[in-house]
Amino acid sequence: MSPSLATIGSGLFQTHVDWKDIKLCIQKERNIAIQFGPNKSARQIGSGNGFMSRIGVIDADFQSAETGLPARFLLKIPSFLETIEMEESVAEEEGVSIMELLEGFEKDAKMCHNREIAVYRAFSRFDSSLTKLPQYYFGQQFAEENKLKGFIAMEYVDNAVTRHFYHKVTPEQLMDVLRAVAFLEAKSFQLKDEEKQKLESNPIKTIYSRFITPNVVSKAFRDMCAVYKELKPSAEELLEMVEEMLDLDLPSTLNEELGMKDVFVHGDLWSANLLWTKTTDGVVFSKYIDHQQAHFGCPAEDLCRLFISTMSGADRRANWERLLEEFHGYIVEYSEGELPFTLEQVSVMTCC
């Protein structure tokens, strides 16, 4: 088997990226000479929380006096080693080999990695306390001459926790998330043309059409019926709507239908892509991460995922209109010139 993102490498965390690659990237992108010391180390974290990357904490032990880089940072390396088992089940359901599935997905994963680097580079000039993006340090994109060694180095957020689908937050705790989303949407109109071009196309259809197919979704609902008898009526109703639910063109057409401007969209803004800091009163929003599917498009893509994955059904139904009013207020606060959309427009498409 030829080396790929699905094969074990001899580098960090069993990928194809090694210390030399990191050193050369720093020297090229930051134009500084660096040397790692004998106490350098790399520790993998986050296993099981993602399926497109290996994540690790790097303690660089820099020997240079001034590097402009922290001694500790996070390294994110695209890799399929976390997800091969999951992809095998999808491949079996679709009647294709795992290698056929991964071959197509590898191209998508590399595109997503390059897209995420473009996001961090484009927004790095804005106030990180408002963008809520981790600090970007350096990164290497995939290219024709570099098919295996992509990575991003970014801020390591100490004491950060991830809240999964079953960890609910309150509407008040979401306010800071909405402020950050609104800030990036408003400031996306200030990006340079070449920066916007790297994020123009919506990758959702290309990515999801490979592994979220009618067969896979229908099987999920049938499995739901078998395991959770009380959900059988709802699952059977959803089974009748599978084709309609999988209209992957809809996110790309909604804005035009409603006369709205395209804005920066995270593309995968659900609970697991938010980092929180624990306090005596609960949790406080810290950062939002994983911008591989970022693009210019419809704000409801992010808002719907955010509301559904973070709040209880009761909280969502009772507060979604109030939260949208707050969100649109932030859009008004941070926008310069004509607003990208009205409160009524964003309410129509985000109705929860």
Protein backbone atom coordinates (compact mmCIF):
# COMPACT_ATOMS: atom_id res chain seq x y z
CA MET A 1 0.00 0.00 0.00
CA SER A 2 1.34 3.43 -0.94
CA PRO A 3 1.83 5.90 1.92
CA SER A 4 -1.31 7.91 2.61
CA LEU A 5 -3.21 9.56 5.45
CA ALA A 6 -4.60 6.10 6.23
CA THR A 7 -1.21 4.41 6.66
CA ILE A 8 1.00 4.36 9.73
CA GLY A 9 4.07 6.57 9.41
CA SER A 10 7.35 6.82 11.29
CA GLY A 11 6.72 10.37 12.50
CA LEU A 12 4.93 11.94 15.42
CA PHE A 13 1.81 10.06 16.63
CA GLN A 14 2.38 7.46 13.85
CA THR A 15 1.89 10.10 11.13
CA HIS A 16 4.31 11.09 8.38
CA VAL A 17 5.27 14.42 10.06
CA ASP A 18 8.52 14.51 12.01
CA TRP A 19 10.54 17.06 14.00
CA LYS A 20 12.53 18.08 10.93
CA ASP A 21 9.32 19.00 9.07
CA ILE A 22 8.24 21.23 11.95
CA LYS A 23 11.64 22.90 12.13
CA LEU A 24 11.73 23.64 8.39
CA CYS A 25 8.19 25.02 8.45
CA ILE A 26 8.98 27.40 11.32
CA GLN A 27 12.11 28.63 9.56
CA LYS A 28 10.25 29.19 6.30
CA GLU A 29 7.01 30.75 7.57
CA ARG A 30 8.40 32.80 10.46
CA ASN A 31 11.80 33.48 8.92
CA ILE A 32 13.75 32.53 12.04
CA ALA A 33 16.40 29.93 12.79
CA ILE A 34 15.39 27.50 15.53
CA GLN A 35 16.80 24.45 17.20
CA PHE A 36 14.96 21.94 19.36
CA GLY A 37 16.67 20.90 22.58
CA PRO A 38 17.28 17.44 24.04
CA ASN A 39 14.19 17.71 26.24
CA LYS A 40 11.73 18.18 23.39
CA SER A 41 8.66 15.97 23.63
CA ALA A 42 5.36 15.21 21.90
CA ARG A 43 2.29 13.85 23.68
CA GLN A 44 -0.85 12.75 21.85
CA ILE A 45 -4.19 13.98 23.25
CA GLY A 46 -7.84 13.95 22.22
CA SER A 47 -8.03 10.37 21.00
CA GLY A 48 -11.64 9.52 20.20
CA ASN A 49 -12.76 13.15 19.90
CA GLY A 50 -12.16 13.51 16.17
CA PHE A 51 -11.78 11.36 13.10
CA MET A 52 -9.71 13.38 10.62
CA SER A 53 -6.65 14.32 12.70
CA ARG A 54 -4.09 13.34 15.27
CA ILE A 55 -3.64 16.03 17.95
CA GLY A 56 -0.62 16.42 20.19
CA VAL A 57 1.00 18.75 22.70
CA ILE A 58 4.51 19.78 21.71
CA ASP A 59 7.07 20.86 24.31
CA ALA A 60 9.69 22.28 21.98
CA ASP A 61 12.60 23.00 24.33
CA PHE A 62 13.73 25.76 21.95
CA GLN A 63 17.45 26.50 22.20
CA SER A 64 17.19 29.86 20.43
CA ALA A 65 16.98 32.97 22.57
CA GLU A 66 14.03 34.61 20.77
CA THR A 67 11.63 32.59 18.64
CA GLY A 68 8.38 34.48 19.17
CA LEU A 69 6.80 31.10 19.86
CA PRO A 70 5.62 29.58 23.13
CA ALA A 71 7.56 26.65 24.54
CA ARG A 72 4.37 24.58 24.43
CA PHE A 73 1.89 24.48 21.55
CA LEU A 74 -0.68 22.22 19.95
CA LEU A 75 0.06 20.33 16.73
CA LYS A 76 -2.79 19.10 14.54
CA ILE A 77 -1.94 16.57 11.82
CA PRO A 78 -4.51 15.23 9.32
CA SER A 79 -4.68 11.44 9.64
CA PHE A 80 -7.27 8.70 9.16
CA LEU A 81 -5.81 6.41 11.80
CA GLU A 82 -8.54 7.47 14.24
CA THR A 83 -11.39 6.68 11.89
CA ILE A 84 -10.58 3.57 9.87
CA GLU A 85 -12.88 1.42 12.01
CA MET A 86 -15.80 3.81 11.51
CA GLU A 87 -15.16 4.11 7.78
CA GLU A 88 -15.14 0.32 7.45
CA SER A 89 -18.75 0.17 8.66
CA VAL A 90 -19.79 2.85 6.16
CA ALA A 91 -17.93 1.06 3.35
CA GLU A 92 -19.72 -2.19 4.18
CA GLU A 93 -23.11 -0.47 4.16
CA GLU A 94 -22.39 1.13 0.78
CA GLY A 95 -20.90 -2.01 -0.76
CA VAL A 96 -17.48 -0.49 -1.50
CA SER A 97 -14.01 -1.28 -0.22
CA ILE A 98 -12.49 0.75 2.59
CA MET A 99 -9.69 1.86 0.27
CA GLU A 100 -12.16 3.15 -2.33
CA LEU A 101 -13.89 5.20 0.34
CA LEU A 102 -10.68 6.56 1.86
CA GLU A 103 -9.14 7.34 -1.53
CA GLY A 104 -11.93 9.80 -2.26
CA PHE A 105 -12.03 11.09 1.29
CA GLU A 106 -8.27 11.77 1.36
CA LYS A 107 -8.63 14.46 -1.29
CA ASP A 108 -11.42 16.06 0.76
CA ALA A 109 -9.40 15.89 3.98
CA LYS A 110 -6.45 17.65 2.39
CA MET A 111 -8.73 20.35 1.01
CA CYS A 112 -10.25 20.78 4.48
CA HIS A 113 -6.83 21.08 6.10
CA ASN A 114 -5.73 23.77 3.66
CA ARG A 115 -9.03 25.55 4.26
CA GLU A 116 -8.48 25.58 8.02
CA ILE A 117 -5.02 27.10 7.63
CA ALA A 118 -6.55 29.76 5.37
CA VAL A 119 -9.05 30.61 8.14
CA TYR A 120 -6.40 31.03 10.82
CA ARG A 121 -4.14 33.09 8.59
CA ALA A 122 -6.97 35.34 7.37
CA PHE A 123 -8.40 36.12 10.80
CA SER A 124 -5.12 36.26 12.74
CA ARG A 125 -4.98 40.05 12.32
CA PHE A 126 -8.18 40.52 14.33
CA ASP A 127 -8.46 40.62 18.13
CA SER A 128 -8.32 36.99 19.31
CA SER A 129 -10.32 37.89 22.44
CA LEU A 130 -13.22 38.59 20.05
CA THR A 131 -12.65 35.96 17.35
CA LYS A 132 -12.19 33.29 20.03
CA LEU A 133 -9.86 31.45 17.64
CA PRO A 134 -6.74 29.80 19.05
CA GLN A 135 -3.58 31.73 18.26
CA TYR A 136 -2.09 30.48 14.99
CA TYR A 137 1.71 29.98 14.95
CA PHE A 138 2.60 28.21 11.70
CA GLY A 139 1.31 25.55 9.35
CA GLN A 140 2.05 23.51 6.25
CA GLN A 141 -0.54 22.96 3.54
CA PHE A 142 -0.87 19.96 1.27
CA ALA A 143 0.22 20.49 -2.33
CA GLU A 144 1.24 18.48 -5.38
CA GLU A 145 4.80 18.37 -4.02
CA ASN A 146 3.63 17.68 -0.44
CA LYS A 147 1.06 14.89 -0.28
CA LEU A 148 1.64 13.56 3.25
CA LYS A 149 2.99 16.24 5.58
CA GLY A 150 0.25 18.72 6.43
CA PHE A 151 -0.03 20.22 9.92
CA ILE A 152 -1.08 23.27 11.95
CA ALA A 153 0.61 24.60 15.09
CA MET A 154 -1.64 26.66 17.33
CA GLU A 155 -2.24 27.80 20.87
CA TYR A 156 -2.46 25.18 23.57
CA VAL A 157 -5.41 26.12 25.78
CA ASP A 158 -4.72 24.86 29.28
CA ASN A 159 -7.57 23.45 31.39
CA ALA A 160 -9.98 23.51 28.45
CA VAL A 161 -12.81 20.99 28.31
CA THR A 162 -15.10 19.82 25.53
CA ARG A 163 -18.83 19.52 26.12
CA HIS A 164 -20.38 16.72 24.09
CA PHE A 165 -23.92 16.37 22.79
CA TYR A 166 -25.13 15.05 26.15
CA HIS A 167 -23.53 17.94 28.12
CA LYS A 168 -26.03 20.77 27.90
CA VAL A 169 -25.25 24.45 28.47
CA THR A 170 -27.63 27.25 29.37
CA PRO A 171 -28.81 29.93 26.93
CA GLU A 172 -26.81 32.50 28.91
CA GLN A 173 -23.62 30.46 28.51
CA LEU A 174 -24.14 30.55 24.73
CA MET A 175 -24.07 34.36 24.56
CA ASP A 176 -20.27 34.55 24.26
CA VAL A 177 -20.35 31.92 21.51
CA LEU A 178 -22.91 33.95 19.57
CA ARG A 179 -20.81 37.08 20.02
CA ALA A 180 -17.75 35.35 18.54
CA VAL A 181 -19.75 33.91 15.63
CA ALA A 182 -21.21 37.35 14.88
CA PHE A 183 -17.79 39.01 15.08
CA LEU A 184 -16.27 36.65 12.51
CA GLU A 185 -19.28 36.97 10.21
CA ALA A 186 -19.16 40.77 10.34
CA LYS A 187 -15.39 40.99 9.89
CA SER A 188 -15.37 38.46 7.04
CA PHE A 189 -16.34 41.32 4.71
CA GLN A 190 -12.96 42.90 5.47
CA LEU A 191 -10.95 39.95 4.19
CA LYS A 192 -8.84 40.43 1.09
CA ASP A 193 -10.14 39.03 -2.19
CA GLU A 194 -7.55 36.25 -2.27
CA GLU A 195 -8.48 35.27 1.30
CA LYS A 196 -12.17 35.11 0.42
CA GLN A 197 -11.48 33.04 -2.69
CA LYS A 198 -9.92 30.29 -0.56
CA LEU A 199 -13.19 30.01 1.40
CA GLU A 200 -15.81 30.74 -1.25
CA SER A 201 -17.00 27.27 -2.21
CA ASN A 202 -19.15 25.28 0.22
CA PRO A 203 -17.45 21.89 0.85
CA ILE A 204 -20.40 20.34 2.69
CA LYS A 205 -21.94 18.51 -0.27
CA THR A 206 -18.60 17.12 -1.45
CA ILE A 207 -17.69 15.83 2.01
CA TYR A 208 -20.99 14.51 3.31
CA SER A 209 -22.19 12.91 0.09
CA ARG A 210 -19.40 10.34 0.43
CA PHE A 211 -20.43 8.89 3.79
CA ILE A 212 -23.81 10.35 4.79
CA THR A 213 -25.92 8.63 2.17
CA PRO A 214 -29.62 7.67 2.20
CA ASN A 215 -28.66 4.06 2.99
CA VAL A 216 -26.50 5.06 5.97
CA VAL A 217 -29.06 7.49 7.40
CA SER A 218 -31.95 5.05 6.93
CA LYS A 219 -29.99 2.34 8.73
CA ALA A 220 -29.33 4.74 11.62
CA PHE A 221 -33.05 5.36 12.03
CA ARG A 222 -33.85 1.64 11.81
CA ASP A 223 -31.22 0.94 14.46
CA MET A 224 -32.81 3.65 16.58
CA CYS A 225 -36.16 1.86 16.33
CA ALA A 226 -34.57 -1.40 17.45
CA VAL A 227 -32.69 0.01 20.43
CA TYR A 228 -35.03 2.73 21.69
CA LYS A 229 -38.59 1.47 21.38
CA GLU A 230 -40.03 4.74 22.68
CA LEU A 231 -38.47 6.58 19.71
CA LYS A 232 -39.90 4.22 17.11
CA PRO A 233 -42.80 6.52 16.03
CA SER A 234 -40.40 9.45 15.50
CA ALA A 235 -37.81 7.31 13.73
CA GLU A 236 -40.43 5.86 11.38
CA GLU A 237 -41.61 9.37 10.52
CA LEU A 238 -38.04 10.45 9.85
CA LEU A 239 -37.49 7.44 7.59
CA GLU A 240 -40.10 8.89 5.25
CA MET A 241 -38.11 12.14 5.05
CA VAL A 242 -34.58 10.87 4.43
CA GLU A 243 -34.30 12.07 0.82
CA GLU A 244 -35.63 15.50 1.77
CA MET A 245 -33.31 15.81 4.77
CA LEU A 246 -30.29 15.00 2.63
CA ASP A 247 -30.75 17.98 0.31
CA LEU A 248 -27.09 19.00 0.45
CA ASP A 249 -27.65 21.83 -2.02
CA LEU A 250 -29.93 23.72 0.36
CA PRO A 251 -27.20 25.48 2.41
CA SER A 252 -25.77 26.91 -0.83
CA THR A 253 -29.09 28.30 -2.09
CA LEU A 254 -30.86 29.65 1.02
CA ASN A 255 -29.10 33.01 1.08
CA GLU A 256 -29.92 33.79 -2.54
CA GLU A 257 -33.54 32.74 -2.05
CA LEU A 258 -33.91 35.11 0.91
CA GLY A 259 -31.86 37.97 -0.56
CA MET A 260 -29.06 37.72 2.00
CA LYS A 261 -25.32 38.22 1.69
CA ASP A 262 -23.02 35.24 2.16
CA VAL A 263 -21.04 35.45 5.40
CA PHE A 264 -18.21 33.45 6.95
CA VAL A 265 -19.55 30.12 8.21
CA HIS A 266 -17.72 27.65 10.44
CA GLY A 267 -19.51 24.75 8.76
CA ASP A 268 -19.34 22.30 11.67
CA LEU A 269 -20.27 24.38 14.71
CA TRP A 270 -21.55 21.76 17.12
CA SER A 271 -20.86 21.16 20.79
CA ALA A 272 -17.66 19.12 20.36
CA ASN A 273 -15.98 21.99 18.48
CA LEU A 274 -16.34 24.41 21.40
CA LEU A 275 -13.76 24.63 24.19
CA TRP A 276 -14.87 25.69 27.66
CA THR A 277 -13.06 26.63 30.88
CA LYS A 278 -14.41 25.26 34.14
CA THR A 279 -15.35 27.75 36.86
CA THR A 280 -17.01 27.49 40.26
CA ASP A 281 -20.27 28.46 38.56
CA GLY A 282 -20.05 25.98 35.70
CA VAL A 283 -18.26 26.65 32.41
CA VAL A 284 -17.25 29.73 30.42
CA PHE A 285 -16.74 29.70 26.64
CA SER A 286 -13.06 29.82 25.71
CA LYS A 287 -12.39 29.00 22.01
CA TYR A 288 -13.99 27.45 19.00
CA ILE A 289 -11.98 25.13 16.85
CA ASP A 290 -11.90 22.81 13.81
CA HIS A 291 -12.54 25.14 10.87
CA GLN A 292 -11.94 22.54 8.15
CA GLN A 293 -15.38 23.06 6.61
CA ALA A 294 -15.39 26.87 6.79
CA HIS A 295 -16.85 28.74 3.83
CA PHE A 296 -18.92 31.74 2.83
CA GLY A 297 -22.58 30.85 3.07
CA CYS A 298 -25.71 30.83 5.22
CA PRO A 299 -25.50 31.77 8.94
CA ALA A 300 -28.26 29.29 9.80
CA GLU A 301 -25.81 26.44 9.11
CA ASP A 302 -23.92 27.37 12.27
CA LEU A 303 -26.83 28.58 14.37
CA CYS A 304 -28.97 25.48 13.90
CA ARG A 305 -26.12 23.11 14.73
CA LEU A 306 -25.14 25.22 17.72
CA PHE A 307 -28.61 25.43 19.24
CA ILE A 308 -29.50 21.78 18.67
CA SER A 309 -26.22 20.33 19.96
CA THR A 310 -25.73 22.49 23.06
CA MET A 311 -29.14 23.19 24.62
CA SER A 312 -31.90 20.95 25.87
CA GLY A 313 -34.99 20.81 23.69
CA ALA A 314 -36.96 22.78 26.27
CA ASP A 315 -34.32 25.53 26.52
CA ARG A 316 -33.99 25.74 22.75
CA ARG A 317 -37.70 26.09 22.10
CA ALA A 318 -38.11 28.64 24.89
CA ASN A 319 -35.08 30.80 24.02
CA TRP A 320 -34.15 30.54 20.33
CA GLU A 321 -35.90 33.76 19.34
CA ARG A 322 -34.29 35.71 22.19
CA LEU A 323 -30.88 34.28 21.32
CA LEU A 324 -31.29 35.28 17.67
CA GLU A 325 -32.14 38.82 18.75
CA GLU A 326 -28.93 38.93 20.79
CA PHE A 327 -26.98 37.46 17.89
CA HIS A 328 -28.32 40.01 15.43
CA GLY A 329 -27.50 42.76 17.92
CA TYR A 330 -23.87 41.63 17.81
CA ILE A 331 -24.00 41.67 14.00
CA VAL A 332 -25.19 45.29 14.15
CA GLU A 333 -22.46 46.14 16.67
CA TYR A 334 -19.57 44.70 14.65
CA SER A 335 -20.68 45.39 11.07
CA GLU A 336 -19.35 48.32 9.08
CA GLY A 337 -21.70 49.47 6.35
CA GLU A 338 -24.73 47.55 5.13
CA LEU A 339 -25.86 44.63 7.30
CA PRO A 340 -25.56 41.16 5.70
CA PHE A 341 -29.08 40.18 6.79
CA THR A 342 -32.03 41.31 8.88
CA LEU A 343 -33.27 39.72 12.08
CA GLU A 344 -36.36 38.54 10.23
CA GLN A 345 -34.29 36.82 7.54
CA VAL A 346 -32.07 34.93 9.97
CA SER A 347 -35.11 33.99 12.06
CA VAL A 348 -36.91 32.47 9.07
CA MET A 349 -34.04 30.11 8.28
CA THR A 350 -33.11 29.27 11.88
CA CYS A 351 -36.59 28.53 13.23
CA CYS A 352 -36.08 25.95 16.01
